[in-house]
Amino acid sequence: METKLLAVLALAFIGMQTALACDGPKNLSGQYIDVRFESDSSEIPVTELARLSVWSRDLRSRFPIIDVVWTVGLSEPTEKDARQLAYRRAQNVMNALDQFAIRGKRSAFIGRVYKPIPEIEETGRRVEVNVGPGCPDDCCPNPHTVP
């Protein structure tokens, strides 16, 4: 009798876990912004810092949980110490994001020299910021669930 009761309780517990399992994504769609720089400089221009501040404030208000933050610093091949410059740009933007309270459970930054693509008129003097908002217990609501 005791064995049957334990079996029933175990099945009920397994069924309850399945019912409570997350049917939505682990995190939400990424949010992006590019921060532009002057040639041969890793200092964030005041206008770009203000733009990053507004973006960060909006991000925090919409997404209280930040799962991932990563930045990719870019420089042009003609800039002095291009690889180090790209790295410093990424690091400076990551520091600014930290001051604006944009901190992920996981964070990383890299720097690389931009290789221009002739069809795209884009400058390599920038940092690409990517933020992945998260959800409580890594379980976001399923947008396709019909109540």
N, C-alpha and C. Protein backbone atom coordinates (compact mmCIF):
# COMPACT_ATOMS: atom_id res chain seq x y z
N MET A 1 0.83 -1.20 0.00
CA MET A 1 0.00 0.00 0.00
C MET A 1 0.86 1.25 0.00
N GLU A 2 1.88 1.24 0.84
CA GLU A 2 2.78 2.39 0.93
C GLU A 2 3.51 2.62 -0.39
N THR A 3 3.87 1.55 -1.08
CA THR A 3 4.56 1.65 -2.37
C THR A 3 3.65 2.28 -3.40
N LYS A 4 2.37 1.89 -3.41
CA LYS A 4 1.42 2.45 -4.36
C LYS A 4 1.23 3.95 -4.11
N LEU A 5 1.17 4.32 -2.84
CA LEU A 5 1.01 5.73 -2.49
C LEU A 5 2.21 6.54 -2.95
N LEU A 6 3.41 6.02 -2.74
CA LEU A 6 4.62 6.70 -3.21
C LEU A 6 4.64 6.81 -4.72
N ALA A 7 4.20 5.77 -5.41
CA ALA A 7 4.17 5.80 -6.88
C ALA A 7 3.19 6.86 -7.37
N VAL A 8 2.03 6.93 -6.74
CA VAL A 8 1.02 7.92 -7.12
C VAL A 8 1.55 9.33 -6.87
N LEU A 9 2.19 9.54 -5.72
CA LEU A 9 2.76 10.86 -5.41
C LEU A 9 3.87 11.23 -6.38
N ALA A 10 4.71 10.27 -6.74
CA ALA A 10 5.79 10.53 -7.69
C ALA A 10 5.22 10.92 -9.05
N LEU A 11 4.21 10.19 -9.52
CA LEU A 11 3.59 10.53 -10.80
C LEU A 11 2.92 11.90 -10.75
N ALA A 12 2.28 12.21 -9.64
CA ALA A 12 1.65 13.52 -9.49
C ALA A 12 2.69 14.62 -9.52
N PHE A 13 3.82 14.39 -8.85
CA PHE A 13 4.90 15.39 -8.82
C PHE A 13 5.47 15.59 -10.22
N ILE A 14 5.69 14.51 -10.95
CA ILE A 14 6.21 14.62 -12.33
C ILE A 14 5.21 15.35 -13.21
N GLY A 15 3.94 15.03 -13.06
CA GLY A 15 2.91 15.72 -13.84
C GLY A 15 2.83 17.19 -13.51
N MET A 16 3.01 17.53 -12.23
CA MET A 16 2.98 18.92 -11.81
C MET A 16 4.16 19.68 -12.41
N GLN A 17 5.35 19.06 -12.42
CA GLN A 17 6.52 19.72 -13.01
C GLN A 17 6.31 19.98 -14.49
N THR A 18 5.73 19.02 -15.19
CA THR A 18 5.47 19.19 -16.62
C THR A 18 4.48 20.33 -16.83
N ALA A 19 3.45 20.40 -15.98
CA ALA A 19 2.46 21.46 -16.12
C ALA A 19 3.07 22.82 -15.84
N LEU A 20 4.05 22.87 -14.93
CA LEU A 20 4.67 24.14 -14.58
C LEU A 20 5.87 24.48 -15.46
N ALA A 21 6.25 23.59 -16.37
CA ALA A 21 7.41 23.83 -17.23
C ALA A 21 7.18 25.05 -18.10
N CYS A 22 8.25 25.70 -18.43
CA CYS A 22 8.17 26.91 -19.24
C CYS A 22 7.86 26.55 -20.69
N ASP A 23 6.84 27.18 -21.25
CA ASP A 23 6.55 26.95 -22.67
C ASP A 23 6.91 28.16 -23.52
N GLY A 24 7.54 29.15 -22.91
CA GLY A 24 7.98 30.34 -23.64
C GLY A 24 9.48 30.33 -23.83
N PRO A 25 10.01 31.36 -24.47
CA PRO A 25 11.46 31.43 -24.69
C PRO A 25 12.21 31.71 -23.39
N LYS A 26 13.51 31.43 -23.39
CA LYS A 26 14.35 31.65 -22.21
C LYS A 26 14.60 33.14 -21.99
N ASN A 27 14.72 33.90 -23.08
CA ASN A 27 14.91 35.35 -22.97
C ASN A 27 14.21 36.03 -24.14
N LEU A 28 14.23 37.34 -24.12
CA LEU A 28 13.51 38.13 -25.13
C LEU A 28 14.44 38.55 -26.26
N SER A 29 13.87 39.10 -27.31
CA SER A 29 14.66 39.55 -28.47
C SER A 29 15.70 40.58 -28.06
N GLY A 30 16.84 40.53 -28.71
CA GLY A 30 17.93 41.45 -28.42
C GLY A 30 17.60 42.89 -28.75
N GLN A 31 18.28 43.79 -28.07
CA GLN A 31 18.15 45.23 -28.28
C GLN A 31 19.53 45.74 -28.71
N TYR A 32 19.56 46.65 -29.68
CA TYR A 32 20.83 47.06 -30.28
C TYR A 32 20.95 48.57 -30.40
N ILE A 33 22.19 49.04 -30.32
CA ILE A 33 22.50 50.44 -30.61
C ILE A 33 23.97 50.50 -31.03
N ASP A 34 24.28 51.40 -31.93
CA ASP A 34 25.66 51.67 -32.32
C ASP A 34 26.09 52.99 -31.69
N VAL A 35 27.31 53.02 -31.15
CA VAL A 35 27.88 54.24 -30.58
C VAL A 35 29.03 54.65 -31.50
N ARG A 36 28.96 55.85 -32.04
CA ARG A 36 29.95 56.33 -33.02
C ARG A 36 31.08 57.10 -32.34
N PHE A 37 32.26 57.06 -32.97
CA PHE A 37 33.46 57.71 -32.43
C PHE A 37 34.13 58.58 -33.47
N GLU A 38 34.90 59.55 -32.97
CA GLU A 38 35.76 60.35 -33.82
C GLU A 38 36.96 59.50 -34.23
N SER A 39 37.60 59.88 -35.31
CA SER A 39 38.78 59.15 -35.79
C SER A 39 39.90 59.17 -34.74
N ASP A 40 40.55 58.04 -34.57
CA ASP A 40 41.69 57.88 -33.64
C ASP A 40 41.34 58.18 -32.19
N SER A 41 40.08 58.06 -31.80
CA SER A 41 39.68 58.37 -30.43
C SER A 41 38.86 57.22 -29.84
N SER A 42 39.09 56.97 -28.55
CA SER A 42 38.27 55.99 -27.84
C SER A 42 37.34 56.68 -26.84
N GLU A 43 37.40 58.01 -26.81
CA GLU A 43 36.53 58.79 -25.92
C GLU A 43 35.13 58.87 -26.53
N ILE A 44 34.12 58.54 -25.73
CA ILE A 44 32.75 58.58 -26.23
C ILE A 44 32.33 60.04 -26.37
N PRO A 45 31.95 60.48 -27.58
CA PRO A 45 31.50 61.87 -27.76
C PRO A 45 30.28 62.17 -26.87
N VAL A 46 30.18 63.40 -26.42
CA VAL A 46 29.10 63.81 -25.51
C VAL A 46 27.73 63.49 -26.10
N THR A 47 27.54 63.75 -27.39
CA THR A 47 26.23 63.48 -28.00
C THR A 47 25.92 61.98 -28.00
N GLU A 48 26.93 61.16 -28.22
CA GLU A 48 26.73 59.71 -28.22
C GLU A 48 26.49 59.21 -26.80
N LEU A 49 27.16 59.80 -25.83
CA LEU A 49 26.96 59.42 -24.43
C LEU A 49 25.53 59.75 -23.99
N ALA A 50 25.03 60.90 -24.42
CA ALA A 50 23.66 61.29 -24.10
C ALA A 50 22.66 60.33 -24.76
N ARG A 51 22.93 59.97 -26.00
CA ARG A 51 22.05 59.04 -26.72
C ARG A 51 22.06 57.66 -26.04
N LEU A 52 23.24 57.21 -25.62
CA LEU A 52 23.37 55.93 -24.93
C LEU A 52 22.65 55.96 -23.58
N SER A 53 22.70 57.09 -22.90
CA SER A 53 22.01 57.25 -21.62
C SER A 53 20.50 57.13 -21.79
N VAL A 54 19.94 57.80 -22.79
CA VAL A 54 18.50 57.74 -23.04
C VAL A 54 18.09 56.31 -23.41
N TRP A 55 18.88 55.67 -24.27
CA TRP A 55 18.60 54.30 -24.69
C TRP A 55 18.63 53.37 -23.48
N SER A 56 19.62 53.55 -22.60
CA SER A 56 19.76 52.71 -21.41
C SER A 56 18.58 52.89 -20.46
N ARG A 57 18.16 54.12 -20.27
CA ARG A 57 17.02 54.40 -19.38
C ARG A 57 15.76 53.72 -19.92
N ASP A 58 15.54 53.83 -21.23
CA ASP A 58 14.38 53.19 -21.85
C ASP A 58 14.46 51.66 -21.70
N LEU A 59 15.65 51.13 -21.91
CA LEU A 59 15.86 49.68 -21.81
C LEU A 59 15.55 49.19 -20.39
N ARG A 60 16.05 49.89 -19.39
CA ARG A 60 15.80 49.51 -17.99
C ARG A 60 14.32 49.57 -17.64
N SER A 61 13.62 50.56 -18.20
CA SER A 61 12.19 50.68 -17.87
C SER A 61 11.37 49.57 -18.53
N ARG A 62 11.79 49.10 -19.69
CA ARG A 62 11.05 48.04 -20.38
C ARG A 62 11.47 46.64 -19.97
N PHE A 63 12.73 46.49 -19.58
CA PHE A 63 13.27 45.16 -19.28
C PHE A 63 14.04 45.20 -17.96
N PRO A 64 13.40 44.87 -16.85
CA PRO A 64 14.09 44.94 -15.56
C PRO A 64 15.19 43.89 -15.40
N ILE A 65 15.13 42.82 -16.19
CA ILE A 65 16.14 41.77 -16.11
C ILE A 65 16.99 41.81 -17.38
N ILE A 66 18.30 41.91 -17.21
CA ILE A 66 19.23 41.88 -18.34
C ILE A 66 20.03 40.58 -18.24
N ASP A 67 19.91 39.75 -19.26
CA ASP A 67 20.60 38.46 -19.27
C ASP A 67 22.03 38.60 -19.81
N VAL A 68 22.17 39.25 -20.96
CA VAL A 68 23.47 39.33 -21.63
C VAL A 68 23.73 40.75 -22.12
N VAL A 69 24.98 41.20 -21.95
CA VAL A 69 25.44 42.46 -22.53
C VAL A 69 26.76 42.17 -23.23
N TRP A 70 26.85 42.52 -24.51
CA TRP A 70 28.13 42.39 -25.18
C TRP A 70 28.33 43.54 -26.13
N THR A 71 29.58 43.95 -26.23
CA THR A 71 29.93 45.06 -27.12
C THR A 71 31.05 44.61 -28.05
N VAL A 72 30.97 45.11 -29.27
CA VAL A 72 32.00 44.84 -30.28
C VAL A 72 32.56 46.19 -30.70
N GLY A 73 33.79 46.46 -30.30
CA GLY A 73 34.45 47.70 -30.68
C GLY A 73 35.08 47.55 -32.05
N LEU A 74 34.88 48.54 -32.89
CA LEU A 74 35.43 48.52 -34.24
C LEU A 74 36.30 49.75 -34.47
N SER A 75 37.30 49.58 -35.29
CA SER A 75 38.13 50.70 -35.74
C SER A 75 38.43 50.48 -37.21
N GLU A 76 38.84 51.54 -37.86
CA GLU A 76 39.20 51.43 -39.28
C GLU A 76 40.69 51.10 -39.39
N PRO A 77 41.07 50.40 -40.45
CA PRO A 77 42.47 49.99 -40.60
C PRO A 77 43.45 51.17 -40.64
N THR A 78 42.96 52.35 -41.01
CA THR A 78 43.84 53.53 -41.13
C THR A 78 44.06 54.24 -39.80
N GLU A 79 43.33 53.85 -38.75
CA GLU A 79 43.49 54.51 -37.45
C GLU A 79 44.73 53.96 -36.73
N LYS A 80 45.32 54.82 -35.87
CA LYS A 80 46.52 54.43 -35.11
C LYS A 80 46.20 53.30 -34.14
N ASP A 81 47.08 52.29 -34.11
CA ASP A 81 46.90 51.13 -33.22
C ASP A 81 45.45 50.64 -33.28
N ALA A 82 45.01 50.33 -34.48
CA ALA A 82 43.59 50.05 -34.75
C ALA A 82 43.00 48.98 -33.83
N ARG A 83 43.68 47.87 -33.63
CA ARG A 83 43.11 46.80 -32.82
C ARG A 83 42.95 47.24 -31.36
N GLN A 84 43.97 47.87 -30.79
CA GLN A 84 43.88 48.36 -29.41
C GLN A 84 42.82 49.45 -29.27
N LEU A 85 42.72 50.30 -30.28
CA LEU A 85 41.71 51.36 -30.27
C LEU A 85 40.31 50.76 -30.23
N ALA A 86 40.08 49.75 -31.05
CA ALA A 86 38.77 49.08 -31.07
C ALA A 86 38.45 48.47 -29.71
N TYR A 87 39.44 47.85 -29.09
CA TYR A 87 39.27 47.25 -27.78
C TYR A 87 38.94 48.32 -26.73
N ARG A 88 39.66 49.44 -26.75
CA ARG A 88 39.41 50.52 -25.78
C ARG A 88 38.01 51.11 -25.97
N ARG A 89 37.58 51.24 -27.22
CA ARG A 89 36.23 51.74 -27.48
C ARG A 89 35.18 50.81 -26.86
N ALA A 90 35.34 49.52 -27.08
CA ALA A 90 34.38 48.56 -26.52
C ALA A 90 34.38 48.61 -25.00
N GLN A 91 35.56 48.70 -24.41
CA GLN A 91 35.68 48.76 -22.96
C GLN A 91 35.04 50.04 -22.41
N ASN A 92 35.26 51.17 -23.07
CA ASN A 92 34.67 52.43 -22.61
C ASN A 92 33.15 52.41 -22.67
N VAL A 93 32.61 51.82 -23.72
CA VAL A 93 31.15 51.74 -23.83
C VAL A 93 30.61 50.78 -22.76
N MET A 94 31.30 49.67 -22.53
CA MET A 94 30.87 48.74 -21.48
C MET A 94 30.88 49.43 -20.12
N ASN A 95 31.90 50.24 -19.86
CA ASN A 95 31.96 51.00 -18.59
C ASN A 95 30.81 51.99 -18.48
N ALA A 96 30.48 52.66 -19.59
CA ALA A 96 29.35 53.61 -19.58
C ALA A 96 28.04 52.86 -19.32
N LEU A 97 27.86 51.71 -19.96
CA LEU A 97 26.65 50.92 -19.73
C LEU A 97 26.54 50.51 -18.26
N ASP A 98 27.67 50.16 -17.67
CA ASP A 98 27.68 49.79 -16.26
C ASP A 98 27.25 50.98 -15.39
N GLN A 99 27.72 52.17 -15.72
CA GLN A 99 27.31 53.37 -14.98
C GLN A 99 25.83 53.67 -15.17
N PHE A 100 25.28 53.27 -16.33
CA PHE A 100 23.85 53.47 -16.60
C PHE A 100 23.02 52.28 -16.10
N ALA A 101 23.63 51.41 -15.30
CA ALA A 101 22.97 50.24 -14.69
C ALA A 101 22.49 49.22 -15.71
N ILE A 102 23.21 49.10 -16.80
CA ILE A 102 22.94 48.04 -17.77
C ILE A 102 24.02 46.98 -17.55
N ARG A 103 23.66 45.98 -16.75
CA ARG A 103 24.61 44.92 -16.39
C ARG A 103 23.93 43.59 -16.64
N GLY A 104 24.60 42.72 -17.36
CA GLY A 104 24.04 41.40 -17.63
C GLY A 104 24.57 40.35 -16.69
N LYS A 105 23.84 39.25 -16.61
CA LYS A 105 24.35 38.10 -15.87
C LYS A 105 25.65 37.64 -16.53
N ARG A 106 25.68 37.81 -17.85
CA ARG A 106 26.89 37.51 -18.63
C ARG A 106 27.22 38.74 -19.45
N SER A 107 28.49 39.12 -19.48
CA SER A 107 28.93 40.28 -20.24
C SER A 107 30.27 39.99 -20.89
N ALA A 108 30.49 40.59 -22.06
CA ALA A 108 31.77 40.43 -22.74
C ALA A 108 31.95 41.57 -23.73
N PHE A 109 33.21 41.85 -24.05
CA PHE A 109 33.48 42.83 -25.10
C PHE A 109 34.72 42.40 -25.86
N ILE A 110 34.74 42.77 -27.14
CA ILE A 110 35.89 42.47 -27.99
C ILE A 110 36.18 43.70 -28.85
N GLY A 111 37.35 43.72 -29.42
CA GLY A 111 37.72 44.78 -30.35
C GLY A 111 38.29 44.15 -31.61
N ARG A 112 37.93 44.73 -32.74
CA ARG A 112 38.48 44.23 -34.00
C ARG A 112 38.53 45.34 -35.04
N VAL A 113 39.36 45.12 -36.02
CA VAL A 113 39.51 46.09 -37.10
C VAL A 113 38.42 45.81 -38.14
N TYR A 114 37.71 46.87 -38.50
CA TYR A 114 36.60 46.77 -39.45
C TYR A 114 37.12 46.55 -40.86
N LYS A 115 36.52 45.60 -41.55
CA LYS A 115 36.84 45.37 -42.96
C LYS A 115 35.68 45.91 -43.78
N PRO A 116 35.90 47.03 -44.48
CA PRO A 116 34.81 47.67 -45.22
C PRO A 116 34.22 46.77 -46.30
N ILE A 117 32.92 46.91 -46.48
CA ILE A 117 32.20 46.22 -47.55
C ILE A 117 31.79 47.31 -48.54
N PRO A 118 32.27 47.22 -49.79
CA PRO A 118 32.02 48.30 -50.76
C PRO A 118 30.55 48.67 -50.94
N GLU A 119 29.65 47.69 -50.84
CA GLU A 119 28.22 47.96 -51.07
C GLU A 119 27.56 48.68 -49.89
N ILE A 120 28.21 48.67 -48.75
CA ILE A 120 27.63 49.27 -47.54
C ILE A 120 28.48 50.45 -47.10
N GLU A 121 27.87 51.61 -47.05
CA GLU A 121 28.59 52.81 -46.60
C GLU A 121 28.46 52.92 -45.08
N GLU A 122 29.29 52.20 -44.38
CA GLU A 122 29.27 52.18 -42.92
C GLU A 122 30.68 52.47 -42.43
N THR A 123 30.77 53.23 -41.37
CA THR A 123 32.08 53.53 -40.81
C THR A 123 32.48 52.45 -39.82
N GLY A 124 33.77 52.24 -39.69
CA GLY A 124 34.27 51.30 -38.71
C GLY A 124 34.52 51.94 -37.37
N ARG A 125 34.26 53.22 -37.24
CA ARG A 125 34.52 53.95 -35.99
C ARG A 125 33.28 53.90 -35.10
N ARG A 126 33.03 52.71 -34.55
CA ARG A 126 31.83 52.56 -33.72
C ARG A 126 31.97 51.36 -32.79
N VAL A 127 31.03 51.28 -31.85
CA VAL A 127 30.88 50.11 -31.00
C VAL A 127 29.45 49.62 -31.18
N GLU A 128 29.31 48.36 -31.48
CA GLU A 128 28.00 47.74 -31.60
C GLU A 128 27.63 47.18 -30.22
N VAL A 129 26.51 47.65 -29.68
CA VAL A 129 26.04 47.22 -28.36
C VAL A 129 24.87 46.27 -28.56
N ASN A 130 24.94 45.11 -27.93
CA ASN A 130 23.89 44.11 -28.00
C ASN A 130 23.49 43.73 -26.58
N VAL A 131 22.19 43.85 -26.29
CA VAL A 131 21.69 43.52 -24.96
C VAL A 131 20.57 42.50 -25.12
N GLY A 132 20.67 41.42 -24.35
CA GLY A 132 19.64 40.39 -24.34
C GLY A 132 18.84 40.44 -23.05
N PRO A 133 17.61 40.99 -23.10
CA PRO A 133 16.78 41.02 -21.90
C PRO A 133 16.38 39.60 -21.48
N GLY A 134 16.26 39.39 -20.19
CA GLY A 134 15.87 38.09 -19.67
C GLY A 134 14.51 38.13 -19.02
N CYS A 135 14.11 36.98 -18.49
CA CYS A 135 12.82 36.84 -17.82
C CYS A 135 13.02 36.14 -16.48
N PRO A 136 12.09 36.31 -15.55
CA PRO A 136 12.22 35.64 -14.26
C PRO A 136 12.36 34.13 -14.44
N ASP A 137 13.30 33.54 -13.73
CA ASP A 137 13.56 32.10 -13.78
C ASP A 137 13.83 31.60 -15.20
N ASP A 138 14.38 32.47 -16.05
CA ASP A 138 14.68 32.13 -17.45
C ASP A 138 13.48 31.56 -18.19
N CYS A 139 12.31 32.10 -17.91
CA CYS A 139 11.09 31.65 -18.58
C CYS A 139 10.22 32.85 -18.93
N CYS A 140 10.20 33.21 -20.20
CA CYS A 140 9.40 34.34 -20.66
C CYS A 140 8.01 33.85 -21.07
N PRO A 141 7.02 34.72 -21.02
CA PRO A 141 5.69 34.32 -21.47
C PRO A 141 5.73 33.93 -22.95
N ASN A 142 4.98 32.91 -23.28
CA ASN A 142 4.89 32.49 -24.68
C ASN A 142 3.93 33.42 -25.40
N PRO A 143 4.42 34.19 -26.39
CA PRO A 143 3.53 35.15 -27.06
C PRO A 143 2.48 34.46 -27.93
N HIS A 144 2.62 33.16 -28.19
CA HIS A 144 1.69 32.44 -29.06
C HIS A 144 0.64 31.66 -28.29
N THR A 145 0.68 31.75 -26.95
CA THR A 145 -0.30 31.05 -26.14
C THR A 145 -1.60 31.84 -26.14
N VAL A 146 -2.69 31.17 -26.47
CA VAL A 146 -4.01 31.81 -26.48
C VAL A 146 -4.70 31.49 -25.17
N PRO A 147 -5.10 32.54 -24.41
CA PRO A 147 -5.76 32.28 -23.11
C PRO A 147 -7.13 31.67 -23.28
